[in-house]
Amino acid sequence: MGYVRFRAQYTITIVDMIQKIKIPSSYKMARIGSKEFHWQKGYGAYTVSQSKLETVKKYIQNQQEHHRTMTVQEEYIKFLEKYETEYDLKYVWDYWW
């Protein structure tokens, strides 16, 4: 799993932005012959205040280090619970559960 940080225009929907990321990257990975690359069906999208951008940038740069002590899945569930986000495990991680 990876994280992507981007700034989007207020006129584009999250669904459209995700498509603009997933579709071309899938084609590119197929062209270079990566058989292990795949996107999960869903995605999570979160807004971040300007004051927290550097924190998020550093987190993304160091994500491999973070995931040495906690799996991506564990971290994501912890995140959802910390911010009191309702979720159903059936839909959270389509290929992991």
Foldseek 3Di string as FASTA:
>chain_A
DADDDDDDDPVDDPVRVVCVVQVVVVVVCVVVPPPPDDDFPDDDDDDDDPVCVVVVVVCRVCVVVVCVVPHPVRVVVVVCVVVVHDDDPCPPGVPPD
